[in-house]
Amino acid sequence: MVAVVKIAGQQYKVEKDQTLYVPQLPGTAGDAVALEVLLVDAGGKLSVGANKGTVKAEILGHVKGDTVIAYKQKRRKGFHKKKGHRTAYTQIKVTDIA
């Protein structure tokens, strides 16, 4: 069984017992999360619309992504600026698709 869910404005194709990294969600490790379902494929039978079903997931932890550096420089002017950031992600595990 496969489902398409919407998390933080992005769509993810998920299966049962799959782990994935999504933009940071509120909650702590061990919390249960109900995800917004857009489509469910149950053995070739598509379910789209009001009775789409439910997808439940568990938060495994919060992590940070790789460092992204934005560097700006103007030649011969002595101007340079270096900034960086690390995007926060949440690791979730899909526990049930119904």
N, C-alpha and C. Protein backbone atom coordinates (compact mmCIF):
# COMPACT_ATOMS: atom_id res chain seq x y z
N MET A 1 0.84 -1.16 0.00
CA MET A 1 0.00 0.00 0.00
C MET A 1 0.90 1.24 0.00
N VAL A 2 0.57 2.16 -0.87
CA VAL A 2 1.36 3.38 -1.05
C VAL A 2 0.43 4.58 -0.86
N ALA A 3 0.95 5.65 -0.27
CA ALA A 3 0.15 6.86 -0.09
C ALA A 3 1.00 8.07 -0.45
N VAL A 4 0.34 9.12 -0.88
CA VAL A 4 0.99 10.41 -1.11
C VAL A 4 0.48 11.35 -0.03
N VAL A 5 1.41 11.90 0.75
CA VAL A 5 1.05 12.79 1.85
C VAL A 5 1.65 14.16 1.65
N LYS A 6 1.06 15.14 2.31
CA LYS A 6 1.54 16.52 2.22
C LYS A 6 2.10 16.91 3.58
N ILE A 7 3.39 17.28 3.58
CA ILE A 7 4.06 17.70 4.81
C ILE A 7 4.77 19.01 4.52
N ALA A 8 4.39 20.06 5.22
CA ALA A 8 5.01 21.39 5.10
C ALA A 8 5.03 21.87 3.65
N GLY A 9 3.93 21.65 2.93
CA GLY A 9 3.82 22.14 1.56
C GLY A 9 4.51 21.28 0.53
N GLN A 10 5.09 20.15 0.92
CA GLN A 10 5.77 19.26 -0.01
C GLN A 10 5.06 17.91 -0.02
N GLN A 11 5.07 17.25 -1.16
CA GLN A 11 4.42 15.95 -1.28
C GLN A 11 5.45 14.83 -1.21
N TYR A 12 5.11 13.78 -0.46
CA TYR A 12 6.00 12.63 -0.30
C TYR A 12 5.21 11.36 -0.59
N LYS A 13 5.83 10.43 -1.31
CA LYS A 13 5.25 9.11 -1.55
C LYS A 13 5.80 8.19 -0.47
N VAL A 14 4.91 7.62 0.34
CA VAL A 14 5.35 6.84 1.50
C VAL A 14 4.74 5.44 1.49
N GLU A 15 5.45 4.52 2.13
CA GLU A 15 4.99 3.16 2.35
C GLU A 15 5.10 2.86 3.84
N LYS A 16 4.48 1.79 4.27
CA LYS A 16 4.55 1.40 5.68
C LYS A 16 5.98 1.03 6.05
N ASP A 17 6.39 1.41 7.25
CA ASP A 17 7.73 1.16 7.82
C ASP A 17 8.84 1.90 7.10
N GLN A 18 8.52 2.90 6.31
CA GLN A 18 9.54 3.71 5.63
C GLN A 18 9.96 4.84 6.55
N THR A 19 11.26 5.13 6.58
CA THR A 19 11.75 6.29 7.32
C THR A 19 12.19 7.35 6.32
N LEU A 20 11.92 8.61 6.66
CA LEU A 20 12.31 9.69 5.77
C LEU A 20 12.53 10.96 6.58
N TYR A 21 13.27 11.88 5.97
CA TYR A 21 13.56 13.17 6.56
C TYR A 21 12.65 14.21 5.94
N VAL A 22 11.95 14.97 6.78
CA VAL A 22 11.02 16.00 6.31
C VAL A 22 11.39 17.32 7.00
N PRO A 23 10.91 18.45 6.48
CA PRO A 23 11.14 19.72 7.19
C PRO A 23 10.66 19.61 8.63
N GLN A 24 11.29 20.35 9.51
CA GLN A 24 11.07 20.18 10.94
C GLN A 24 9.60 20.28 11.34
N LEU A 25 9.16 19.29 12.11
CA LEU A 25 7.80 19.23 12.64
C LEU A 25 7.84 19.48 14.14
N PRO A 26 6.76 20.06 14.70
CA PRO A 26 6.72 20.23 16.16
C PRO A 26 6.55 18.88 16.84
N GLY A 27 7.16 18.72 17.99
CA GLY A 27 7.06 17.47 18.74
C GLY A 27 8.43 16.95 19.12
N THR A 28 8.42 15.92 19.95
CA THR A 28 9.67 15.31 20.38
C THR A 28 9.72 13.86 19.92
N ALA A 29 10.87 13.24 20.12
CA ALA A 29 11.04 11.85 19.69
C ALA A 29 10.04 10.96 20.42
N GLY A 30 9.38 10.09 19.65
CA GLY A 30 8.39 9.19 20.22
C GLY A 30 6.96 9.66 20.03
N ASP A 31 6.76 10.92 19.66
CA ASP A 31 5.41 11.44 19.44
C ASP A 31 4.81 10.87 18.16
N ALA A 32 3.50 10.72 18.16
CA ALA A 32 2.78 10.26 16.97
C ALA A 32 2.30 11.48 16.18
N VAL A 33 2.34 11.37 14.85
CA VAL A 33 1.93 12.45 13.98
C VAL A 33 0.95 11.90 12.96
N ALA A 34 -0.14 12.63 12.73
CA ALA A 34 -1.09 12.27 11.68
C ALA A 34 -0.78 13.15 10.47
N LEU A 35 -0.61 12.56 9.31
CA LEU A 35 -0.22 13.28 8.11
C LEU A 35 -1.41 13.51 7.20
N GLU A 36 -1.37 14.62 6.46
CA GLU A 36 -2.45 14.96 5.52
C GLU A 36 -2.30 14.09 4.27
N VAL A 37 -3.35 13.33 3.97
CA VAL A 37 -3.31 12.36 2.87
C VAL A 37 -3.92 12.98 1.62
N LEU A 38 -3.23 12.82 0.50
CA LEU A 38 -3.73 13.31 -0.78
C LEU A 38 -4.24 12.17 -1.65
N LEU A 39 -3.58 10.99 -1.57
CA LEU A 39 -3.93 9.86 -2.42
C LEU A 39 -3.48 8.57 -1.74
N VAL A 40 -4.28 7.51 -1.90
CA VAL A 40 -3.91 6.19 -1.37
C VAL A 40 -4.08 5.17 -2.48
N ASP A 41 -3.05 4.33 -2.68
CA ASP A 41 -3.09 3.26 -3.67
C ASP A 41 -3.05 1.94 -2.91
N ALA A 42 -4.20 1.25 -2.87
CA ALA A 42 -4.30 -0.03 -2.17
C ALA A 42 -4.41 -1.15 -3.20
N GLY A 43 -3.29 -1.65 -3.66
CA GLY A 43 -3.28 -2.76 -4.61
C GLY A 43 -3.92 -2.42 -5.94
N GLY A 44 -3.67 -1.24 -6.45
CA GLY A 44 -4.23 -0.85 -7.74
C GLY A 44 -5.53 -0.07 -7.64
N LYS A 45 -6.11 -0.01 -6.45
CA LYS A 45 -7.34 0.74 -6.25
C LYS A 45 -6.98 2.11 -5.67
N LEU A 46 -7.17 3.17 -6.47
CA LEU A 46 -6.84 4.51 -6.03
C LEU A 46 -7.98 5.11 -5.23
N SER A 47 -7.61 5.83 -4.19
CA SER A 47 -8.60 6.52 -3.36
C SER A 47 -8.20 7.99 -3.28
N VAL A 48 -8.99 8.83 -3.95
CA VAL A 48 -8.73 10.27 -3.97
C VAL A 48 -10.03 10.96 -3.60
N GLY A 49 -9.94 11.95 -2.75
CA GLY A 49 -11.15 12.69 -2.41
C GLY A 49 -11.41 12.68 -0.92
N ALA A 50 -12.70 12.69 -0.54
CA ALA A 50 -13.08 12.86 0.86
C ALA A 50 -12.63 11.69 1.74
N ASN A 51 -12.79 10.46 1.31
CA ASN A 51 -12.44 9.28 2.12
C ASN A 51 -11.11 8.70 1.68
N LYS A 52 -10.05 9.43 1.92
CA LYS A 52 -8.73 9.02 1.45
C LYS A 52 -8.04 8.06 2.41
N GLY A 53 -8.44 8.05 3.66
CA GLY A 53 -7.77 7.21 4.64
C GLY A 53 -6.88 8.04 5.54
N THR A 54 -6.08 7.36 6.35
CA THR A 54 -5.20 8.04 7.28
C THR A 54 -3.79 7.46 7.20
N VAL A 55 -2.82 8.31 7.46
CA VAL A 55 -1.42 7.88 7.55
C VAL A 55 -0.88 8.37 8.88
N LYS A 56 -0.36 7.45 9.67
CA LYS A 56 0.20 7.79 10.97
C LYS A 56 1.70 7.56 10.93
N ALA A 57 2.43 8.45 11.60
CA ALA A 57 3.88 8.35 11.63
C ALA A 57 4.37 8.63 13.04
N GLU A 58 5.60 8.21 13.30
CA GLU A 58 6.23 8.43 14.60
C GLU A 58 7.50 9.24 14.40
N ILE A 59 7.71 10.23 15.25
CA ILE A 59 8.93 11.05 15.17
C ILE A 59 10.08 10.27 15.80
N LEU A 60 11.15 10.09 15.03
CA LEU A 60 12.33 9.38 15.53
C LEU A 60 13.35 10.34 16.12
N GLY A 61 13.41 11.57 15.61
CA GLY A 61 14.36 12.54 16.14
C GLY A 61 14.47 13.75 15.24
N HIS A 62 15.21 14.75 15.71
CA HIS A 62 15.45 15.97 14.96
C HIS A 62 16.93 16.05 14.62
N VAL A 63 17.24 16.40 13.39
CA VAL A 63 18.63 16.51 12.95
C VAL A 63 18.80 17.79 12.14
N LYS A 64 20.05 18.16 11.90
CA LYS A 64 20.35 19.30 11.04
C LYS A 64 21.01 18.80 9.77
N GLY A 65 20.74 19.48 8.67
CA GLY A 65 21.33 19.12 7.38
C GLY A 65 22.75 19.63 7.26
N ASP A 66 23.32 19.47 6.09
CA ASP A 66 24.67 19.93 5.82
C ASP A 66 24.72 21.46 5.82
N THR A 67 25.89 22.00 6.07
CA THR A 67 26.07 23.44 6.07
C THR A 67 26.03 23.97 4.64
N VAL A 68 25.23 25.01 4.45
CA VAL A 68 25.14 25.68 3.15
C VAL A 68 25.75 27.06 3.34
N ILE A 69 26.74 27.40 2.53
CA ILE A 69 27.45 28.67 2.67
C ILE A 69 27.10 29.58 1.51
N ALA A 70 26.69 30.81 1.85
CA ALA A 70 26.43 31.84 0.84
C ALA A 70 27.58 32.84 0.93
N TYR A 71 28.35 32.97 -0.13
CA TYR A 71 29.52 33.85 -0.14
C TYR A 71 29.35 34.90 -1.22
N LYS A 72 29.49 36.16 -0.85
CA LYS A 72 29.38 37.26 -1.80
C LYS A 72 30.67 38.05 -1.77
N GLN A 73 31.09 38.52 -2.94
CA GLN A 73 32.34 39.28 -3.03
C GLN A 73 32.25 40.22 -4.22
N LYS A 74 32.80 41.42 -4.05
CA LYS A 74 32.92 42.35 -5.17
C LYS A 74 34.41 42.54 -5.41
N ARG A 75 34.82 42.28 -6.62
CA ARG A 75 36.24 42.31 -6.90
C ARG A 75 36.80 43.74 -6.84
N ARG A 76 38.01 43.81 -6.37
CA ARG A 76 38.78 45.05 -6.26
C ARG A 76 38.16 46.07 -5.30
N LYS A 77 37.21 45.72 -4.52
CA LYS A 77 36.58 46.67 -3.60
C LYS A 77 36.84 46.32 -2.13
N GLY A 78 37.33 45.14 -1.89
CA GLY A 78 37.58 44.71 -0.52
C GLY A 78 36.31 44.26 0.20
N PHE A 79 35.24 44.07 -0.55
CA PHE A 79 33.97 43.66 0.04
C PHE A 79 33.79 42.16 -0.08
N HIS A 80 33.55 41.51 1.03
CA HIS A 80 33.15 40.11 1.01
C HIS A 80 32.28 39.82 2.23
N LYS A 81 31.36 38.91 2.04
CA LYS A 81 30.41 38.55 3.07
C LYS A 81 30.20 37.04 3.02
N LYS A 82 30.30 36.40 4.16
CA LYS A 82 30.14 34.96 4.22
C LYS A 82 29.09 34.63 5.28
N LYS A 83 28.04 33.95 4.86
CA LYS A 83 26.99 33.51 5.77
C LYS A 83 26.72 32.04 5.53
N GLY A 84 26.28 31.36 6.54
CA GLY A 84 25.95 29.95 6.39
C GLY A 84 24.76 29.58 7.26
N HIS A 85 24.12 28.46 6.91
CA HIS A 85 23.02 27.96 7.72
C HIS A 85 22.91 26.45 7.55
N ARG A 86 22.23 25.84 8.51
CA ARG A 86 21.95 24.41 8.47
C ARG A 86 20.45 24.23 8.63
N THR A 87 19.81 23.61 7.68
CA THR A 87 18.37 23.41 7.71
C THR A 87 18.01 22.31 8.71
N ALA A 88 16.96 22.54 9.48
CA ALA A 88 16.50 21.58 10.48
C ALA A 88 15.52 20.59 9.84
N TYR A 89 15.73 19.31 10.10
CA TYR A 89 14.88 18.25 9.58
C TYR A 89 14.37 17.38 10.73
N THR A 90 13.28 16.69 10.48
CA THR A 90 12.74 15.71 11.43
C THR A 90 12.73 14.35 10.74
N GLN A 91 13.24 13.35 11.43
CA GLN A 91 13.22 11.99 10.89
C GLN A 91 11.95 11.32 11.41
N ILE A 92 11.12 10.81 10.47
CA ILE A 92 9.88 10.15 10.86
C ILE A 92 9.85 8.74 10.28
N LYS A 93 9.06 7.90 10.91
CA LYS A 93 8.83 6.53 10.43
C LYS A 93 7.34 6.34 10.27
N VAL A 94 6.91 5.92 9.08
CA VAL A 94 5.49 5.69 8.81
C VAL A 94 5.10 4.38 9.48
N THR A 95 4.13 4.46 10.39
CA THR A 95 3.72 3.28 11.14
C THR A 95 2.47 2.62 10.60
N ASP A 96 1.58 3.40 10.00
CA ASP A 96 0.32 2.81 9.56
C ASP A 96 -0.27 3.60 8.41
N ILE A 97 -0.77 2.88 7.41
CA ILE A 97 -1.53 3.46 6.30
C ILE A 97 -2.86 2.73 6.26
N ALA A 98 -3.93 3.48 6.48
CA ALA A 98 -5.26 2.85 6.50
C ALA A 98 -6.23 3.61 5.62
